[in-house]
Amino acid sequence: MTDTLPAASLDQLALDQLFRQARTYNWFTGEVSEDTLHQLYDLLKWGPTTANTCPARFVFVRSAEAKAKLGPTLDEGNYKKTMAAPVTVIVAYDIAFYEKSPVLFPHTDAKSWFDTKPEAALTTIALRNGSLQGAYLLLAARSLGLDCGPMSGFDNAKLDAAFFAGTTWRSNFLVNLGHGDRSTIFQRSPRLSFDEACRVE
């Protein structure tokens, strides 16, 4: 017997905010406070990962100094919008994620599942689960009333040298955050239908 109430469906406005009306923005207005960034992480951290490995690491680029390091790593098409965004999140992953396993998965010796694997295998695990956490970041940001501009279009090696030299962190993708300028986006592109993208067996 449990006293936990069954989960209820979100209302239509919430679903619109998270999915149906949410868009990828190129240009933003407004500010994003450090308190909001703490709220953002405190939501996204609850999303599931393999054995609770939580390999994603996040760098919130806000200061002029940090933007100056980020700028030279960006492709030309992403430079202006990223420099103008209130915050750019470097969604990274730690290939030594297993060092946190004694705390994050204390039920058993989960560290031993990973610490003898080759770097390529660790990278696969960290990249897959770190990407999941990056997606949780998008949903958490939208739930807090922020808009997002996730993107590739940068030199991973240059970015890693600028921000993560001498560490086990590696960059995955970037997300600009703020309040999106709807006048700068195209009409929404279509999506595949259920029958095109899914099978029920």
C-alpha atoms as a PDB file:
ATOM      1  CA  MET A   1       0.000   0.000   0.000  1.00  0.00           C
ATOM      2  CA  THR A   2       1.384   3.400  -0.925  1.00  0.00           C
ATOM      3  CA  ASP A   3       0.161   6.879  -0.148  1.00  0.00           C
ATOM      4  CA  THR A   4       1.583   8.273  -3.375  1.00  0.00           C
ATOM      5  CA  LEU A   5      -1.144   9.661  -5.611  1.00  0.00           C
ATOM      6  CA  PRO A   6      -1.253   8.444  -9.219  1.00  0.00           C
ATOM      7  CA  ALA A   7       0.216  10.864 -11.743  1.00  0.00           C
ATOM      8  CA  ALA A   8      -2.291  13.088 -13.509  1.00  0.00           C
ATOM      9  CA  SER A   9      -2.051  14.331 -17.084  1.00  0.00           C
ATOM     10  CA  LEU A  10      -0.802  17.873 -17.542  1.00  0.00           C
ATOM     11  CA  ASP A  11      -3.357  20.347 -18.824  1.00  0.00           C
ATOM     12  CA  GLN A  12      -3.395  21.448 -22.452  1.00  0.00           C
ATOM     13  CA  LEU A  13      -1.670  24.776 -21.737  1.00  0.00           C
ATOM     14  CA  ALA A  14       1.237  22.969 -20.109  1.00  0.00           C
ATOM     15  CA  LEU A  15       1.531  20.558 -23.036  1.00  0.00           C
ATOM     16  CA  ASP A  16       1.506  23.504 -25.446  1.00  0.00           C
ATOM     17  CA  GLN A  17       4.273  25.217 -23.472  1.00  0.00           C
ATOM     18  CA  LEU A  18       6.455  22.126 -23.351  1.00  0.00           C
ATOM     19  CA  PHE A  19       5.818  20.729 -26.827  1.00  0.00           C
ATOM     20  CA  ARG A  20       3.159  21.936 -29.245  1.00  0.00           C
ATOM     21  CA  GLN A  21       3.816  25.693 -29.136  1.00  0.00           C
ATOM     22  CA  ALA A  22       7.476  25.542 -28.116  1.00  0.00           C
ATOM     23  CA  ARG A  23       9.920  26.500 -30.836  1.00  0.00           C
ATOM     24  CA  THR A  24      13.662  26.640 -31.489  1.00  0.00           C
ATOM     25  CA  TYR A  25      14.631  30.310 -31.352  1.00  0.00           C
ATOM     26  CA  ASN A  26      17.560  32.095 -32.947  1.00  0.00           C
ATOM     27  CA  TRP A  27      17.162  35.483 -31.238  1.00  0.00           C
ATOM     28  CA  PHE A  28      16.283  36.292 -27.660  1.00  0.00           C
ATOM     29  CA  THR A  29      15.391  39.203 -25.423  1.00  0.00           C
ATOM     30  CA  GLY A  30      15.468  39.593 -21.650  1.00  0.00           C
ATOM     31  CA  GLU A  31      17.772  38.314 -18.954  1.00  0.00           C
ATOM     32  CA  VAL A  32      18.219  34.947 -17.236  1.00  0.00           C
ATOM     33  CA  SER A  33      19.145  35.238 -13.579  1.00  0.00           C
ATOM     34  CA  GLU A  34      21.527  32.940 -11.747  1.00  0.00           C
ATOM     35  CA  ASP A  35      18.623  31.951  -9.505  1.00  0.00           C
ATOM     36  CA  THR A  36      16.723  30.772 -12.586  1.00  0.00           C
ATOM     37  CA  LEU A  37      19.732  28.704 -13.654  1.00  0.00           C
ATOM     38  CA  HIS A  38      19.719  27.014 -10.247  1.00  0.00           C
ATOM     39  CA  GLN A  39      15.997  26.296 -10.616  1.00  0.00           C
ATOM     40  CA  LEU A  40      16.659  24.916 -14.084  1.00  0.00           C
ATOM     41  CA  TYR A  41      19.287  22.463 -12.900  1.00  0.00           C
ATOM     42  CA  ASP A  42      17.229  21.489  -9.849  1.00  0.00           C
ATOM     43  CA  LEU A  43      14.485  20.334 -12.239  1.00  0.00           C
ATOM     44  CA  LEU A  44      16.502  18.634 -14.958  1.00  0.00           C
ATOM     45  CA  LYS A  45      18.644  16.634 -12.518  1.00  0.00           C
ATOM     46  CA  TRP A  46      15.684  14.361 -11.720  1.00  0.00           C
ATOM     47  CA  GLY A  47      15.484  12.884 -15.229  1.00  0.00           C
ATOM     48  CA  PRO A  48      16.492   9.205 -15.489  1.00  0.00           C
ATOM     49  CA  THR A  49      19.896   7.987 -16.682  1.00  0.00           C
ATOM     50  CA  THR A  50      21.543   4.562 -16.791  1.00  0.00           C
ATOM     51  CA  ALA A  51      22.226   3.477 -13.189  1.00  0.00           C
ATOM     52  CA  ASN A  52      21.703   7.123 -12.225  1.00  0.00           C
ATOM     53  CA  THR A  53      25.092   7.928 -13.749  1.00  0.00           C
ATOM     54  CA  CYS A  54      24.147  11.577 -14.445  1.00  0.00           C
ATOM     55  CA  PRO A  55      27.146  12.144 -16.756  1.00  0.00           C
ATOM     56  CA  ALA A  56      26.021  15.522 -18.135  1.00  0.00           C
ATOM     57  CA  ARG A  57      27.902  18.623 -17.040  1.00  0.00           C
ATOM     58  CA  PHE A  58      26.670  22.155 -17.751  1.00  0.00           C
ATOM     59  CA  VAL A  59      28.549  25.407 -18.224  1.00  0.00           C
ATOM     60  CA  PHE A  60      26.322  28.497 -18.221  1.00  0.00           C
ATOM     61  CA  VAL A  61      28.120  31.069 -20.345  1.00  0.00           C
ATOM     62  CA  ARG A  62      26.975  34.550 -19.263  1.00  0.00           C
ATOM     63  CA  SER A  63      29.985  36.796 -18.688  1.00  0.00           C
ATOM     64  CA  ALA A  64      31.856  38.760 -21.341  1.00  0.00           C
ATOM     65  CA  GLU A  65      34.986  36.775 -20.508  1.00  0.00           C
ATOM     66  CA  ALA A  66      33.268  33.429 -21.029  1.00  0.00           C
ATOM     67  CA  LYS A  67      31.632  34.625 -24.255  1.00  0.00           C
ATOM     68  CA  ALA A  68      35.065  35.704 -25.496  1.00  0.00           C
ATOM     69  CA  LYS A  69      36.276  32.129 -25.016  1.00  0.00           C
ATOM     70  CA  LEU A  70      33.197  30.645 -26.657  1.00  0.00           C
ATOM     71  CA  GLY A  71      33.073  32.952 -29.675  1.00  0.00           C
ATOM     72  CA  PRO A  72      36.107  31.608 -31.594  1.00  0.00           C
ATOM     73  CA  THR A  73      34.746  28.051 -31.384  1.00  0.00           C
ATOM     74  CA  LEU A  74      31.464  28.887 -33.150  1.00  0.00           C
ATOM     75  CA  ASP A  75      30.608  28.443 -36.807  1.00  0.00           C
ATOM     76  CA  GLU A  76      29.981  31.755 -38.574  1.00  0.00           C
ATOM     77  CA  GLY A  77      26.227  31.194 -38.790  1.00  0.00           C
ATOM     78  CA  ASN A  78      25.923  30.729 -35.031  1.00  0.00           C
ATOM     79  CA  TYR A  79      28.230  33.513 -33.877  1.00  0.00           C
ATOM     80  CA  LYS A  80      26.010  36.615 -33.712  1.00  0.00           C
ATOM     81  CA  LYS A  81      22.955  34.958 -32.198  1.00  0.00           C
ATOM     82  CA  THR A  82      25.037  33.164 -29.586  1.00  0.00           C
ATOM     83  CA  MET A  83      26.993  36.242 -28.576  1.00  0.00           C
ATOM     84  CA  ALA A  84      23.698  38.124 -28.213  1.00  0.00           C
ATOM     85  CA  ALA A  85      21.896  35.418 -26.190  1.00  0.00           C
ATOM     86  CA  PRO A  86      21.478  36.089 -22.454  1.00  0.00           C
ATOM     87  CA  VAL A  87      22.935  32.648 -21.631  1.00  0.00           C
ATOM     88  CA  THR A  88      24.487  29.863 -23.649  1.00  0.00           C
ATOM     89  CA  VAL A  89      24.623  26.448 -22.017  1.00  0.00           C
ATOM     90  CA  ILE A  90      27.488  24.164 -22.938  1.00  0.00           C
ATOM     91  CA  VAL A  91      25.939  20.729 -22.510  1.00  0.00           C
ATOM     92  CA  ALA A  92      28.915  18.498 -21.847  1.00  0.00           C
ATOM     93  CA  TYR A  93      29.530  15.029 -20.432  1.00  0.00           C
ATOM     94  CA  ASP A  94      32.146  13.568 -18.104  1.00  0.00           C
ATOM     95  CA  ILE A  95      33.772  10.345 -19.305  1.00  0.00           C
ATOM     96  CA  ALA A  96      34.812   9.704 -15.682  1.00  0.00           C
ATOM     97  CA  PHE A  97      31.157   9.836 -14.596  1.00  0.00           C
ATOM     98  CA  TYR A  98      31.568   6.561 -12.693  1.00  0.00           C
ATOM     99  CA  GLU A  99      33.614   8.332 -10.006  1.00  0.00           C
ATOM    100  CA  LYS A 100      30.284   9.650  -8.679  1.00  0.00           C
ATOM    101  CA  SER A 101      28.621   6.206  -8.669  1.00  0.00           C
ATOM    102  CA  PRO A 102      29.245   5.451  -4.973  1.00  0.00           C
ATOM    103  CA  VAL A 103      27.110   8.499  -4.142  1.00  0.00           C
ATOM    104  CA  LEU A 104      24.604   8.369  -6.990  1.00  0.00           C
ATOM    105  CA  PHE A 105      23.974   4.587  -6.973  1.00  0.00           C
ATOM    106  CA  PRO A 106      24.881   3.407  -3.472  1.00  0.00           C
ATOM    107  CA  HIS A 107      22.819   0.193  -3.565  1.00  0.00           C
ATOM    108  CA  THR A 108      25.717  -1.772  -5.069  1.00  0.00           C
ATOM    109  CA  ASP A 109      29.245  -1.365  -6.433  1.00  0.00           C
ATOM    110  CA  ALA A 110      28.135   0.318  -9.658  1.00  0.00           C
ATOM    111  CA  LYS A 111      31.540   1.961 -10.145  1.00  0.00           C
ATOM    112  CA  SER A 112      33.032  -1.430 -10.975  1.00  0.00           C
ATOM    113  CA  TRP A 113      30.592  -1.755 -13.872  1.00  0.00           C
ATOM    114  CA  PHE A 114      32.330   1.108 -15.642  1.00  0.00           C
ATOM    115  CA  ASP A 115      35.819   1.860 -14.355  1.00  0.00           C
ATOM    116  CA  THR A 116      37.554  -0.870 -16.379  1.00  0.00           C
ATOM    117  CA  LYS A 117      35.771  -0.119 -19.662  1.00  0.00           C
ATOM    118  CA  PRO A 118      37.773   1.447 -22.516  1.00  0.00           C
ATOM    119  CA  GLU A 119      37.351   5.161 -23.178  1.00  0.00           C
ATOM    120  CA  ALA A 120      35.294   4.546 -26.319  1.00  0.00           C
ATOM    121  CA  ALA A 121      32.697   2.566 -24.345  1.00  0.00           C
ATOM    122  CA  LEU A 122      32.607   5.191 -21.588  1.00  0.00           C
ATOM    123  CA  THR A 123      32.141   7.908 -24.192  1.00  0.00           C
ATOM    124  CA  THR A 124      29.162   6.050 -25.677  1.00  0.00           C
ATOM    125  CA  ILE A 125      27.512   5.709 -22.271  1.00  0.00           C
ATOM    126  CA  ALA A 126      28.245   9.299 -21.280  1.00  0.00           C
ATOM    127  CA  LEU A 127      27.161  10.748 -24.628  1.00  0.00           C
ATOM    128  CA  ARG A 128      23.868   8.837 -24.703  1.00  0.00           C
ATOM    129  CA  ASN A 129      22.885   9.681 -21.149  1.00  0.00           C
ATOM    130  CA  GLY A 130      24.299  13.202 -21.302  1.00  0.00           C
ATOM    131  CA  SER A 131      22.178  13.830 -24.392  1.00  0.00           C
ATOM    132  CA  LEU A 132      19.121  12.675 -22.462  1.00  0.00           C
ATOM    133  CA  GLN A 133      19.992  15.169 -19.745  1.00  0.00           C
ATOM    134  CA  GLY A 134      20.395  17.882 -22.360  1.00  0.00           C
ATOM    135  CA  ALA A 135      16.848  17.130 -23.523  1.00  0.00           C
ATOM    136  CA  TYR A 136      15.654  17.348 -19.924  1.00  0.00           C
ATOM    137  CA  LEU A 137      17.275  20.780 -19.808  1.00  0.00           C
ATOM    138  CA  LEU A 138      15.137  21.929 -22.752  1.00  0.00           C
ATOM    139  CA  LEU A 139      11.936  20.760 -21.077  1.00  0.00           C
ATOM    140  CA  ALA A 140      12.934  22.212 -17.709  1.00  0.00           C
ATOM    141  CA  ALA A 141      13.734  25.559 -19.332  1.00  0.00           C
ATOM    142  CA  ARG A 142      10.393  25.629 -21.143  1.00  0.00           C
ATOM    143  CA  SER A 143       8.572  24.737 -17.918  1.00  0.00           C
ATOM    144  CA  LEU A 144      10.180  27.801 -16.282  1.00  0.00           C
ATOM    145  CA  GLY A 145       9.010  30.086 -19.087  1.00  0.00           C
ATOM    146  CA  LEU A 146      12.296  30.222 -20.990  1.00  0.00           C
ATOM    147  CA  ASP A 147      12.807  29.622 -24.692  1.00  0.00           C
ATOM    148  CA  CYS A 148      15.637  27.550 -26.130  1.00  0.00           C
ATOM    149  CA  GLY A 149      17.902  27.476 -29.149  1.00  0.00           C
ATOM    150  CA  PRO A 150      19.730  24.118 -29.157  1.00  0.00           C
ATOM    151  CA  MET A 151      22.443  23.748 -31.778  1.00  0.00           C
ATOM    152  CA  SER A 152      25.582  22.100 -33.024  1.00  0.00           C
ATOM    153  CA  GLY A 153      27.657  24.273 -35.339  1.00  0.00           C
ATOM    154  CA  PHE A 154      30.826  24.696 -33.308  1.00  0.00           C
ATOM    155  CA  ASP A 155      34.284  23.153 -33.104  1.00  0.00           C
ATOM    156  CA  ASN A 156      34.183  20.623 -30.269  1.00  0.00           C
ATOM    157  CA  ALA A 157      37.952  20.328 -30.033  1.00  0.00           C
ATOM    158  CA  LYS A 158      38.422  24.104 -29.805  1.00  0.00           C
ATOM    159  CA  LEU A 159      35.664  24.417 -27.221  1.00  0.00           C
ATOM    160  CA  ASP A 160      37.073  21.586 -25.123  1.00  0.00           C
ATOM    161  CA  ALA A 161      40.513  23.204 -25.222  1.00  0.00           C
ATOM    162  CA  ALA A 162      39.047  26.556 -24.154  1.00  0.00           C
ATOM    163  CA  PHE A 163      36.802  25.305 -21.343  1.00  0.00           C
ATOM    164  CA  PHE A 164      37.791  21.755 -20.371  1.00  0.00           C
ATOM    165  CA  ALA A 165      41.558  21.449 -20.836  1.00  0.00           C
ATOM    166  CA  GLY A 166      43.063  18.959 -18.428  1.00  0.00           C
ATOM    167  CA  THR A 167      39.675  17.513 -17.403  1.00  0.00           C
ATOM    168  CA  THR A 168      37.533  14.526 -18.361  1.00  0.00           C
ATOM    169  CA  TRP A 169      34.684  16.741 -19.568  1.00  0.00           C
ATOM    170  CA  ARG A 170      33.791  16.813 -23.278  1.00  0.00           C
ATOM    171  CA  SER A 171      31.353  19.082 -25.134  1.00  0.00           C
ATOM    172  CA  ASN A 172      28.169  17.689 -26.678  1.00  0.00           C
ATOM    173  CA  PHE A 173      25.944  20.558 -27.889  1.00  0.00           C
ATOM    174  CA  LEU A 174      24.969  24.136 -27.075  1.00  0.00           C
ATOM    175  CA  VAL A 175      21.682  25.712 -25.990  1.00  0.00           C
ATOM    176  CA  ASN A 176      20.962  29.433 -26.095  1.00  0.00           C
ATOM    177  CA  LEU A 177      18.459  30.503 -23.434  1.00  0.00           C
ATOM    178  CA  GLY A 178      16.276  33.562 -22.996  1.00  0.00           C
ATOM    179  CA  HIS A 179      12.906  34.857 -24.126  1.00  0.00           C
ATOM    180  CA  GLY A 180      12.524  34.073 -27.807  1.00  0.00           C
ATOM    181  CA  ASP A 181      11.712  36.720 -30.384  1.00  0.00           C
ATOM    182  CA  ARG A 182       8.819  35.119 -32.275  1.00  0.00           C
ATOM    183  CA  SER A 183       9.138  37.590 -35.146  1.00  0.00           C
ATOM    184  CA  THR A 184      12.454  35.973 -36.137  1.00  0.00           C
ATOM    185  CA  ILE A 185      11.255  32.393 -36.702  1.00  0.00           C
ATOM    186  CA  PHE A 186       9.637  30.635 -39.636  1.00  0.00           C
ATOM    187  CA  GLN A 187       6.262  28.936 -39.550  1.00  0.00           C
ATOM    188  CA  ARG A 188       6.465  25.625 -37.786  1.00  0.00           C
ATOM    189  CA  SER A 189       7.821  22.769 -39.892  1.00  0.00           C
ATOM    190  CA  PRO A 190       5.781  19.563 -40.142  1.00  0.00           C
ATOM    191  CA  ARG A 191       6.503  16.386 -38.219  1.00  0.00           C
ATOM    192  CA  LEU A 192       6.149  12.743 -39.224  1.00  0.00           C
ATOM    193  CA  SER A 193       2.805  11.106 -38.536  1.00  0.00           C
ATOM    194  CA  PHE A 194       2.423   8.213 -36.096  1.00  0.00           C
ATOM    195  CA  ASP A 195       2.187   5.737 -38.962  1.00  0.00           C
ATOM    196  CA  GLU A 196       5.369   7.074 -40.557  1.00  0.00           C
ATOM    197  CA  ALA A 197       7.466   7.039 -37.387  1.00  0.00           C
ATOM    198  CA  CYS A 198       6.006   4.290 -35.208  1.00  0.00           C
ATOM    199  CA  ARG A 199       5.117   0.615 -35.103  1.00  0.00           C
ATOM    200  CA  VAL A 200       3.003  -1.179 -32.535  1.00  0.00           C
ATOM    201  CA  GLU A 201       3.865  -4.877 -32.273  1.00  0.00           C
END
